[in-house]
Amino acid sequence: MNSENYKTEIHNMIANGKDPKDMVIQMCRPQCKWYDDKYDRCVKAFLSLKNADPEKNCMYPYRDLVTCVEACVQPKIQHALRGNEHGSIFA
């Protein structure tokens, strides 16, 4: 699906009272593959250790992944919100 189709789908979902975030996350996650791979490597490394908890030990790579995905998701949803036709809902 191209970016114009996503924009239309996001507008439609918001108009119907649905949260488009999960769909947009799926669209944005491939753009953060480097961070995703880094997190996966960390989890695998800690799982190989005895008695290691990867959720606690891989906090920073996970934070980097979430930050990357959110940086892609937030503007796509924000620009689709009603009242943001001119680029800023606060102007």
PDB file of N, CA and C in Angstrom:
ATOM      1  N   MET A   1       0.855  -1.175   0.000  1.00  0.00           N
ATOM      2  CA  MET A   1       0.000   0.000   0.000  1.00  0.00           C
ATOM      3  C   MET A   1       0.899   1.236   0.000  1.00  0.00           C
ATOM      4  N   ASN A   2       0.626   2.191  -0.861  1.00  0.00           N
ATOM      5  CA  ASN A   2       1.471   3.382  -0.921  1.00  0.00           C
ATOM      6  C   ASN A   2       1.049   4.404   0.127  1.00  0.00           C
ATOM      7  N   SER A   3       1.811   5.474   0.235  1.00  0.00           N
ATOM      8  CA  SER A   3       1.583   6.444   1.309  1.00  0.00           C
ATOM      9  C   SER A   3       0.242   7.156   1.172  1.00  0.00           C
ATOM     10  N   GLU A   4      -0.221   7.393  -0.042  1.00  0.00           N
ATOM     11  CA  GLU A   4      -1.512   8.054  -0.223  1.00  0.00           C
ATOM     12  C   GLU A   4      -2.655   7.159   0.264  1.00  0.00           C
ATOM     13  N   ASN A   5      -2.547   5.843  -0.002  1.00  0.00           N
ATOM     14  CA  ASN A   5      -3.568   4.919   0.483  1.00  0.00           C
ATOM     15  C   ASN A   5      -3.583   4.877   2.007  1.00  0.00           C
ATOM     16  N   TYR A   6      -2.396   4.908   2.626  1.00  0.00           N
ATOM     17  CA  TYR A   6      -2.326   4.931   4.081  1.00  0.00           C
ATOM     18  C   TYR A   6      -2.946   6.204   4.638  1.00  0.00           C
ATOM     19  N   LYS A   7      -2.683   7.331   3.998  1.00  0.00           N
ATOM     20  CA  LYS A   7      -3.262   8.594   4.468  1.00  0.00           C
ATOM     21  C   LYS A   7      -4.784   8.520   4.440  1.00  0.00           C
ATOM     22  N   THR A   8      -5.327   8.010   3.341  1.00  0.00           N
ATOM     23  CA  THR A   8      -6.776   7.873   3.224  1.00  0.00           C
ATOM     24  C   THR A   8      -7.320   6.913   4.267  1.00  0.00           C
ATOM     25  N   GLU A   9      -6.645   5.784   4.459  1.00  0.00           N
ATOM     26  CA  GLU A   9      -7.079   4.796   5.449  1.00  0.00           C
ATOM     27  C   GLU A   9      -7.025   5.372   6.860  1.00  0.00           C
ATOM     28  N   ILE A  10      -5.980   6.130   7.168  1.00  0.00           N
ATOM     29  CA  ILE A  10      -5.874   6.756   8.489  1.00  0.00           C
ATOM     30  C   ILE A  10      -7.027   7.730   8.702  1.00  0.00           C
ATOM     31  N   HIS A  11      -7.306   8.578   7.704  1.00  0.00           N
ATOM     32  CA  HIS A  11      -8.426   9.522   7.805  1.00  0.00           C
ATOM     33  C   HIS A  11      -9.741   8.774   8.016  1.00  0.00           C
ATOM     34  N   ASN A  12      -9.955   7.696   7.261  1.00  0.00           N
ATOM     35  CA  ASN A  12     -11.192   6.916   7.389  1.00  0.00           C
ATOM     36  C   ASN A  12     -11.321   6.282   8.766  1.00  0.00           C
ATOM     37  N   MET A  13     -10.240   5.730   9.272  1.00  0.00           N
ATOM     38  CA  MET A  13     -10.284   5.091  10.589  1.00  0.00           C
ATOM     39  C   MET A  13     -10.596   6.120  11.668  1.00  0.00           C
ATOM     40  N   ILE A  14      -9.958   7.285  11.596  1.00  0.00           N
ATOM     41  CA  ILE A  14     -10.221   8.329  12.591  1.00  0.00           C
ATOM     42  C   ILE A  14     -11.671   8.798  12.491  1.00  0.00           C
ATOM     43  N   ALA A  15     -12.168   8.972  11.271  1.00  0.00           N
ATOM     44  CA  ALA A  15     -13.556   9.408  11.070  1.00  0.00           C
ATOM     45  C   ALA A  15     -14.550   8.392  11.631  1.00  0.00           C
ATOM     46  N   ASN A  16     -14.176   7.105  11.611  1.00  0.00           N
ATOM     47  CA  ASN A  16     -15.053   6.053  12.125  1.00  0.00           C
ATOM     48  C   ASN A  16     -14.799   5.743  13.597  1.00  0.00           C
ATOM     49  N   GLY A  17     -13.949   6.535  14.241  1.00  0.00           N
ATOM     50  CA  GLY A  17     -13.697   6.361  15.668  1.00  0.00           C
ATOM     51  C   GLY A  17     -12.759   5.215  15.995  1.00  0.00           C
ATOM     52  N   LYS A  18     -11.952   4.788  15.039  1.00  0.00           N
ATOM     53  CA  LYS A  18     -11.010   3.693  15.268  1.00  0.00           C
ATOM     54  C   LYS A  18      -9.596   4.254  15.409  1.00  0.00           C
ATOM     55  N   ASP A  19      -8.777   3.567  16.177  1.00  0.00           N
ATOM     56  CA  ASP A  19      -7.399   3.993  16.388  1.00  0.00           C
ATOM     57  C   ASP A  19      -6.517   3.402  15.291  1.00  0.00           C
ATOM     58  N   PRO A  20      -5.879   4.239  14.466  1.00  0.00           N
ATOM     59  CA  PRO A  20      -5.061   3.738  13.362  1.00  0.00           C
ATOM     60  C   PRO A  20      -3.631   3.380  13.774  1.00  0.00           C
ATOM     61  N   LYS A  21      -3.292   3.523  15.055  1.00  0.00           N
ATOM     62  CA  LYS A  21      -1.899   3.387  15.462  1.00  0.00           C
ATOM     63  C   LYS A  21      -1.316   2.013  15.146  1.00  0.00           C
ATOM     64  N   ASP A  22      -2.048   0.926  15.400  1.00  0.00           N
ATOM     65  CA  ASP A  22      -1.511  -0.411  15.118  1.00  0.00           C
ATOM     66  C   ASP A  22      -1.182  -0.583  13.641  1.00  0.00           C
ATOM     67  N   MET A  23      -2.048  -0.082  12.769  1.00  0.00           N
ATOM     68  CA  MET A  23      -1.798  -0.176  11.333  1.00  0.00           C
ATOM     69  C   MET A  23      -0.558   0.630  10.944  1.00  0.00           C
ATOM     70  N   VAL A  24      -0.420   1.825  11.503  1.00  0.00           N
ATOM     71  CA  VAL A  24       0.709   2.690  11.162  1.00  0.00           C
ATOM     72  C   VAL A  24       2.008   2.104  11.729  1.00  0.00           C
ATOM     73  N   ILE A  25       1.936   1.485  12.893  1.00  0.00           N
ATOM     74  CA  ILE A  25       3.121   0.829  13.452  1.00  0.00           C
ATOM     75  C   ILE A  25       3.612  -0.250  12.492  1.00  0.00           C
ATOM     76  N   GLN A  26       2.702  -1.033  11.945  1.00  0.00           N
ATOM     77  CA  GLN A  26       3.091  -2.080  10.995  1.00  0.00           C
ATOM     78  C   GLN A  26       3.729  -1.477   9.743  1.00  0.00           C
ATOM     79  N   MET A  27       3.276  -0.300   9.361  1.00  0.00           N
ATOM     80  CA  MET A  27       3.849   0.375   8.202  1.00  0.00           C
ATOM     81  C   MET A  27       5.238   0.930   8.527  1.00  0.00           C
ATOM     82  N   CYS A  28       5.430   1.427   9.737  1.00  0.00           N
ATOM     83  CA  CYS A  28       6.682   2.094  10.115  1.00  0.00           C
ATOM     84  C   CYS A  28       7.765   1.134  10.596  1.00  0.00           C
ATOM     85  N   ARG A  29       7.390   0.002  11.126  1.00  0.00           N
ATOM     86  CA  ARG A  29       8.385  -0.885  11.739  1.00  0.00           C
ATOM     87  C   ARG A  29       9.500  -1.307  10.783  1.00  0.00           C
ATOM     88  N   PRO A  30       9.227  -1.600   9.517  1.00  0.00           N
ATOM     89  CA  PRO A  30      10.330  -1.961   8.615  1.00  0.00           C
ATOM     90  C   PRO A  30      11.373  -0.850   8.449  1.00  0.00           C
ATOM     91  N   GLN A  31      10.978   0.395   8.645  1.00  0.00           N
ATOM     92  CA  GLN A  31      11.925   1.502   8.540  1.00  0.00           C
ATOM     93  C   GLN A  31      12.922   1.508   9.705  1.00  0.00           C
ATOM     94  N   CYS A  32      12.612   0.765  10.745  1.00  0.00           N
ATOM     95  CA  CYS A  32      13.459   0.716  11.940  1.00  0.00           C
ATOM     96  C   CYS A  32      14.126  -0.643  12.080  1.00  0.00           C
ATOM     97  N   LYS A  33      14.393  -1.293  10.959  1.00  0.00           N
ATOM     98  CA  LYS A  33      14.953  -2.642  10.970  1.00  0.00           C
ATOM     99  C   LYS A  33      16.280  -2.716  11.728  1.00  0.00           C
ATOM    100  N   TRP A  34      17.114  -1.701  11.601  1.00  0.00           N
ATOM    101  CA  TRP A  34      18.411  -1.729  12.286  1.00  0.00           C
ATOM    102  C   TRP A  34      18.209  -1.838  13.798  1.00  0.00           C
ATOM    103  N   TYR A  35      17.284  -1.056  14.355  1.00  0.00           N
ATOM    104  CA  TYR A  35      17.006  -1.095  15.790  1.00  0.00           C
ATOM    105  C   TYR A  35      16.326  -2.408  16.182  1.00  0.00           C
ATOM    106  N   ASP A  36      15.466  -2.905  15.319  1.00  0.00           N
ATOM    107  CA  ASP A  36      14.794  -4.181  15.560  1.00  0.00           C
ATOM    108  C   ASP A  36      15.817  -5.317  15.619  1.00  0.00           C
ATOM    109  N   ASP A  37      16.754  -5.318  14.685  1.00  0.00           N
ATOM    110  CA  ASP A  37      17.809  -6.341  14.679  1.00  0.00           C
ATOM    111  C   ASP A  37      18.695  -6.230  15.915  1.00  0.00           C
ATOM    112  N   LYS A  38      18.993  -5.012  16.307  1.00  0.00           N
ATOM    113  CA  LYS A  38      19.823  -4.787  17.496  1.00  0.00           C
ATOM    114  C   LYS A  38      19.120  -5.335  18.743  1.00  0.00           C
ATOM    115  N   TYR A  39      17.824  -5.090  18.859  1.00  0.00           N
ATOM    116  CA  TYR A  39      17.050  -5.603  20.000  1.00  0.00           C
ATOM    117  C   TYR A  39      17.004  -7.134  19.974  1.00  0.00           C
ATOM    118  N   ASP A  40      16.772  -7.711  18.804  1.00  0.00           N
ATOM    119  CA  ASP A  40      16.736  -9.172  18.681  1.00  0.00           C
ATOM    120  C   ASP A  40      18.067  -9.801  19.079  1.00  0.00           C
ATOM    121  N   ARG A  41      19.171  -9.186  18.665  1.00  0.00           N
ATOM    122  CA  ARG A  41      20.493  -9.702  19.052  1.00  0.00           C
ATOM    123  C   ARG A  41      20.676  -9.650  20.560  1.00  0.00           C
ATOM    124  N   CYS A  42      20.217  -8.595  21.175  1.00  0.00           N
ATOM    125  CA  CYS A  42      20.325  -8.452  22.622  1.00  0.00           C
ATOM    126  C   CYS A  42      19.512  -9.533  23.333  1.00  0.00           C
ATOM    127  N   VAL A  43      18.282  -9.740  22.898  1.00  0.00           N
ATOM    128  CA  VAL A  43      17.433 -10.754  23.513  1.00  0.00           C
ATOM    129  C   VAL A  43      18.069 -12.131  23.374  1.00  0.00           C
ATOM    130  N   LYS A  44      18.568 -12.456  22.192  1.00  0.00           N
ATOM    131  CA  LYS A  44      19.212 -13.759  21.987  1.00  0.00           C
ATOM    132  C   LYS A  44      20.433 -13.922  22.879  1.00  0.00           C
ATOM    133  N   ALA A  45      21.202 -12.858  23.032  1.00  0.00           N
ATOM    134  CA  ALA A  45      22.398 -12.931  23.879  1.00  0.00           C
ATOM    135  C   ALA A  45      22.020 -13.179  25.334  1.00  0.00           C
ATOM    136  N   PHE A  46      20.983 -12.507  25.821  1.00  0.00           N
ATOM    137  CA  PHE A  46      20.600 -12.694  27.213  1.00  0.00           C
ATOM    138  C   PHE A  46      19.874 -14.012  27.451  1.00  0.00           C
ATOM    139  N   LEU A  47      19.168 -14.509  26.452  1.00  0.00           N
ATOM    140  CA  LEU A  47      18.518 -15.808  26.610  1.00  0.00           C
ATOM    141  C   LEU A  47      19.536 -16.931  26.699  1.00  0.00           C
ATOM    142  N   SER A  48      20.712 -16.704  26.114  1.00  0.00           N
ATOM    143  CA  SER A  48      21.752 -17.728  26.182  1.00  0.00           C
ATOM    144  C   SER A  48      22.416 -17.756  27.559  1.00  0.00           C
ATOM    145  N   LEU A  49      22.248 -16.691  28.332  1.00  0.00           N
ATOM    146  CA  LEU A  49      22.785 -16.657  29.692  1.00  0.00           C
ATOM    147  C   LEU A  49      21.802 -17.324  30.650  1.00  0.00           C
ATOM    148  N   LYS A  50      22.312 -17.958  31.648  1.00  0.00           N
ATOM    149  CA  LYS A  50      21.465 -18.630  32.622  1.00  0.00           C
ATOM    150  C   LYS A  50      20.842 -17.592  33.560  1.00  0.00           C
ATOM    151  N   ASN A  51      19.556 -17.728  33.817  1.00  0.00           N
ATOM    152  CA  ASN A  51      18.806 -16.867  34.737  1.00  0.00           C
ATOM    153  C   ASN A  51      18.796 -15.396  34.325  1.00  0.00           C
ATOM    154  N   ALA A  52      18.870 -15.091  33.068  1.00  0.00           N
ATOM    155  CA  ALA A  52      18.840 -13.702  32.603  1.00  0.00           C
ATOM    156  C   ALA A  52      17.420 -13.322  32.197  1.00  0.00           C
ATOM    157  N   ASP A  53      17.043 -12.103  32.482  1.00  0.00           N
ATOM    158  CA  ASP A  53      15.735 -11.579  32.106  1.00  0.00           C
ATOM    159  C   ASP A  53      15.927 -10.559  30.986  1.00  0.00           C
ATOM    160  N   PRO A  54      15.655 -10.923  29.714  1.00  0.00           N
ATOM    161  CA  PRO A  54      15.922 -10.013  28.592  1.00  0.00           C
ATOM    162  C   PRO A  54      15.088  -8.730  28.619  1.00  0.00           C
ATOM    163  N   GLU A  55      13.926  -8.771  29.266  1.00  0.00           N
ATOM    164  CA  GLU A  55      13.113  -7.563  29.316  1.00  0.00           C
ATOM    165  C   GLU A  55      13.792  -6.470  30.128  1.00  0.00           C
ATOM    166  N   LYS A  56      14.535  -6.834  31.157  1.00  0.00           N
ATOM    167  CA  LYS A  56      15.228  -5.847  31.973  1.00  0.00           C
ATOM    168  C   LYS A  56      16.583  -5.492  31.371  1.00  0.00           C
ATOM    169  N   ASN A  57      17.256  -6.460  30.823  1.00  0.00           N
ATOM    170  CA  ASN A  57      18.615  -6.252  30.335  1.00  0.00           C
ATOM    171  C   ASN A  57      18.678  -5.626  28.949  1.00  0.00           C
ATOM    172  N   CYS A  58      17.621  -5.687  28.180  1.00  0.00           N
ATOM    173  CA  CYS A  58      17.610  -5.125  26.818  1.00  0.00           C
ATOM    174  C   CYS A  58      16.755  -3.862  26.760  1.00  0.00           C
ATOM    175  N   MET A  59      16.696  -3.161  27.858  1.00  0.00           N
ATOM    176  CA  MET A  59      15.858  -1.974  27.934  1.00  0.00           C
ATOM    177  C   MET A  59      16.287  -0.896  26.936  1.00  0.00           C
ATOM    178  N   TYR A  60      17.578  -0.626  26.819  1.00  0.00           N
ATOM    179  CA  TYR A  60      18.028   0.463  25.949  1.00  0.00           C
ATOM    180  C   TYR A  60      17.842   0.153  24.464  1.00  0.00           C
ATOM    181  N   PRO A  61      18.176  -1.044  23.983  1.00  0.00           N
ATOM    182  CA  PRO A  61      17.873  -1.336  22.576  1.00  0.00           C
ATOM    183  C   PRO A  61      16.366  -1.307  22.285  1.00  0.00           C
ATOM    184  N   TYR A  62      15.561  -1.757  23.261  1.00  0.00           N
ATOM    185  CA  TYR A  62      14.116  -1.719  23.078  1.00  0.00           C
ATOM    186  C   TYR A  62      13.622  -0.268  23.032  1.00  0.00           C
ATOM    187  N   ARG A  63      14.155   0.564  23.908  1.00  0.00           N
ATOM    188  CA  ARG A  63      13.778   1.980  23.913  1.00  0.00           C
ATOM    189  C   ARG A  63      14.124   2.629  22.578  1.00  0.00           C
ATOM    190  N   ASP A  64      15.298   2.298  22.033  1.00  0.00           N
ATOM    191  CA  ASP A  64      15.698   2.852  20.743  1.00  0.00           C
ATOM    192  C   ASP A  64      14.742   2.415  19.634  1.00  0.00           C
ATOM    193  N   LEU A  65      14.307   1.156  19.664  1.00  0.00           N
ATOM    194  CA  LEU A  65      13.349   0.650  18.673  1.00  0.00           C
ATOM    195  C   LEU A  65      12.021   1.388  18.784  1.00  0.00           C
ATOM    196  N   VAL A  66      11.512   1.509  19.991  1.00  0.00           N
ATOM    197  CA  VAL A  66      10.227   2.185  20.199  1.00  0.00           C
ATOM    198  C   VAL A  66      10.320   3.654  19.786  1.00  0.00           C
ATOM    199  N   THR A  67      11.420   4.304  20.111  1.00  0.00           N
ATOM    200  CA  THR A  67      11.606   5.710  19.741  1.00  0.00           C
ATOM    201  C   THR A  67      11.605   5.877  18.225  1.00  0.00           C
ATOM    202  N   CYS A  68      12.277   4.979  17.523  1.00  0.00           N
ATOM    203  CA  CYS A  68      12.320   5.038  16.062  1.00  0.00           C
ATOM    204  C   CYS A  68      10.921   4.859  15.470  1.00  0.00           C
ATOM    205  N   VAL A  69      10.189   3.853  15.954  1.00  0.00           N
ATOM    206  CA  VAL A  69       8.845   3.586  15.423  1.00  0.00           C
ATOM    207  C   VAL A  69       7.917   4.760  15.734  1.00  0.00           C
ATOM    208  N   GLU A  70       7.968   5.263  16.952  1.00  0.00           N
ATOM    209  CA  GLU A  70       7.094   6.377  17.330  1.00  0.00           C
ATOM    210  C   GLU A  70       7.402   7.642  16.542  1.00  0.00           C
ATOM    211  N   ALA A  71       8.671   7.857  16.207  1.00  0.00           N
ATOM    212  CA  ALA A  71       9.040   9.025  15.412  1.00  0.00           C
ATOM    213  C   ALA A  71       8.436   8.956  14.015  1.00  0.00           C
ATOM    214  N   CYS A  72       8.177   7.777  13.531  1.00  0.00           N
ATOM    215  CA  CYS A  72       7.526   7.596  12.230  1.00  0.00           C
ATOM    216  C   CYS A  72       6.002   7.673  12.367  1.00  0.00           C
ATOM    217  N   VAL A  73       5.463   7.062  13.420  1.00  0.00           N
ATOM    218  CA  VAL A  73       4.011   6.949  13.597  1.00  0.00           C
ATOM    219  C   VAL A  73       3.362   8.285  13.948  1.00  0.00           C
ATOM    220  N   GLN A  74       3.930   9.003  14.888  1.00  0.00           N
ATOM    221  CA  GLN A  74       3.300  10.202  15.429  1.00  0.00           C
ATOM    222  C   GLN A  74       2.937  11.233  14.368  1.00  0.00           C
ATOM    223  N   PRO A  75       3.863  11.612  13.476  1.00  0.00           N
ATOM    224  CA  PRO A  75       3.466  12.633  12.490  1.00  0.00           C
ATOM    225  C   PRO A  75       2.400  12.151  11.510  1.00  0.00           C
ATOM    226  N   LYS A  76       2.410  10.870  11.184  1.00  0.00           N
ATOM    227  CA  LYS A  76       1.411  10.350  10.241  1.00  0.00           C
ATOM    228  C   LYS A  76       0.007  10.455  10.826  1.00  0.00           C
ATOM    229  N   ILE A  77      -0.120  10.182  12.110  1.00  0.00           N
ATOM    230  CA  ILE A  77      -1.435  10.278  12.752  1.00  0.00           C
ATOM    231  C   ILE A  77      -1.777  11.741  13.027  1.00  0.00           C
ATOM    232  N   GLN A  78      -0.807  12.511  13.515  1.00  0.00           N
ATOM    233  CA  GLN A  78      -1.056  13.921  13.837  1.00  0.00           C
ATOM    234  C   GLN A  78      -1.557  14.686  12.617  1.00  0.00           C
ATOM    235  N   HIS A  79      -0.954  14.434  11.440  1.00  0.00           N
ATOM    236  CA  HIS A  79      -1.352  15.164  10.238  1.00  0.00           C
ATOM    237  C   HIS A  79      -2.744  14.783   9.763  1.00  0.00           C
ATOM    238  N   ALA A  80      -3.250  13.650  10.230  1.00  0.00           N
ATOM    239  CA  ALA A  80      -4.583  13.214   9.823  1.00  0.00           C
ATOM    240  C   ALA A  80      -5.675  13.717  10.762  1.00  0.00           C
ATOM    241  N   LEU A  81      -5.288  14.313  11.886  1.00  0.00           N
ATOM    242  CA  LEU A  81      -6.285  14.766  12.851  1.00  0.00           C
ATOM    243  C   LEU A  81      -7.052  15.978  12.342  1.00  0.00           C
ATOM    244  N   ARG A  82      -8.289  16.025  12.720  1.00  0.00           N
ATOM    245  CA  ARG A  82      -9.147  17.138  12.351  1.00  0.00           C
ATOM    246  C   ARG A  82      -8.621  18.407  13.018  1.00  0.00           C
ATOM    247  N   GLY A  83      -8.565  19.492  12.268  1.00  0.00           N
ATOM    248  CA  GLY A  83      -8.051  20.748  12.775  1.00  0.00           C
ATOM    249  C   GLY A  83      -6.598  20.970  12.440  1.00  0.00           C
ATOM    250  N   ASN A  84      -5.964  19.977  11.822  1.00  0.00           N
ATOM    251  CA  ASN A  84      -4.543  20.078  11.475  1.00  0.00           C
ATOM    252  C   ASN A  84      -4.356  20.271   9.973  1.00  0.00           C
ATOM    253  N   GLU A  85      -5.357  20.824   9.308  1.00  0.00           N
ATOM    254  CA  GLU A  85      -5.307  20.988   7.860  1.00  0.00           C
ATOM    255  C   GLU A  85      -4.193  21.938   7.414  1.00  0.00           C
ATOM    256  N   HIS A  86      -3.801  22.849   8.294  1.00  0.00           N
ATOM    257  CA  HIS A  86      -2.796  23.856   7.937  1.00  0.00           C
ATOM    258  C   HIS A  86      -1.418  23.543   8.493  1.00  0.00           C
ATOM    259  N   GLY A  87      -1.229  22.329   9.027  1.00  0.00           N
ATOM    260  CA  GLY A  87       0.084  21.918   9.476  1.00  0.00           C
ATOM    261  C   GLY A  87       0.301  21.965  10.968  1.00  0.00           C
ATOM    262  N   SER A  88      -0.587  22.631  11.699  1.00  0.00           N
ATOM    263  CA  SER A  88      -0.434  22.683  13.152  1.00  0.00           C
ATOM    264  C   SER A  88      -1.810  22.856  13.789  1.00  0.00           C
ATOM    265  N   ILE A  89      -2.113  22.032  14.757  1.00  0.00           N
ATOM    266  CA  ILE A  89      -3.419  22.150  15.410  1.00  0.00           C
ATOM    267  C   ILE A  89      -3.426  23.280  16.439  1.00  0.00           C
ATOM    268  N   PHE A  90      -2.241  23.849  16.726  1.00  0.00           N
ATOM    269  CA  PHE A  90      -2.149  24.889  17.723  1.00  0.00           C
ATOM    270  C   PHE A  90      -2.061  26.286  17.118  1.00  0.00           C
ATOM    271  N   ALA A  91      -1.963  26.387  15.814  1.00  0.00           N
ATOM    272  CA  ALA A  91      -1.805  27.695  15.169  1.00  0.00           C
ATOM    273  C   ALA A  91      -3.129  28.391  15.019  1.00  0.00           C
TER     274      ALA A  91
END
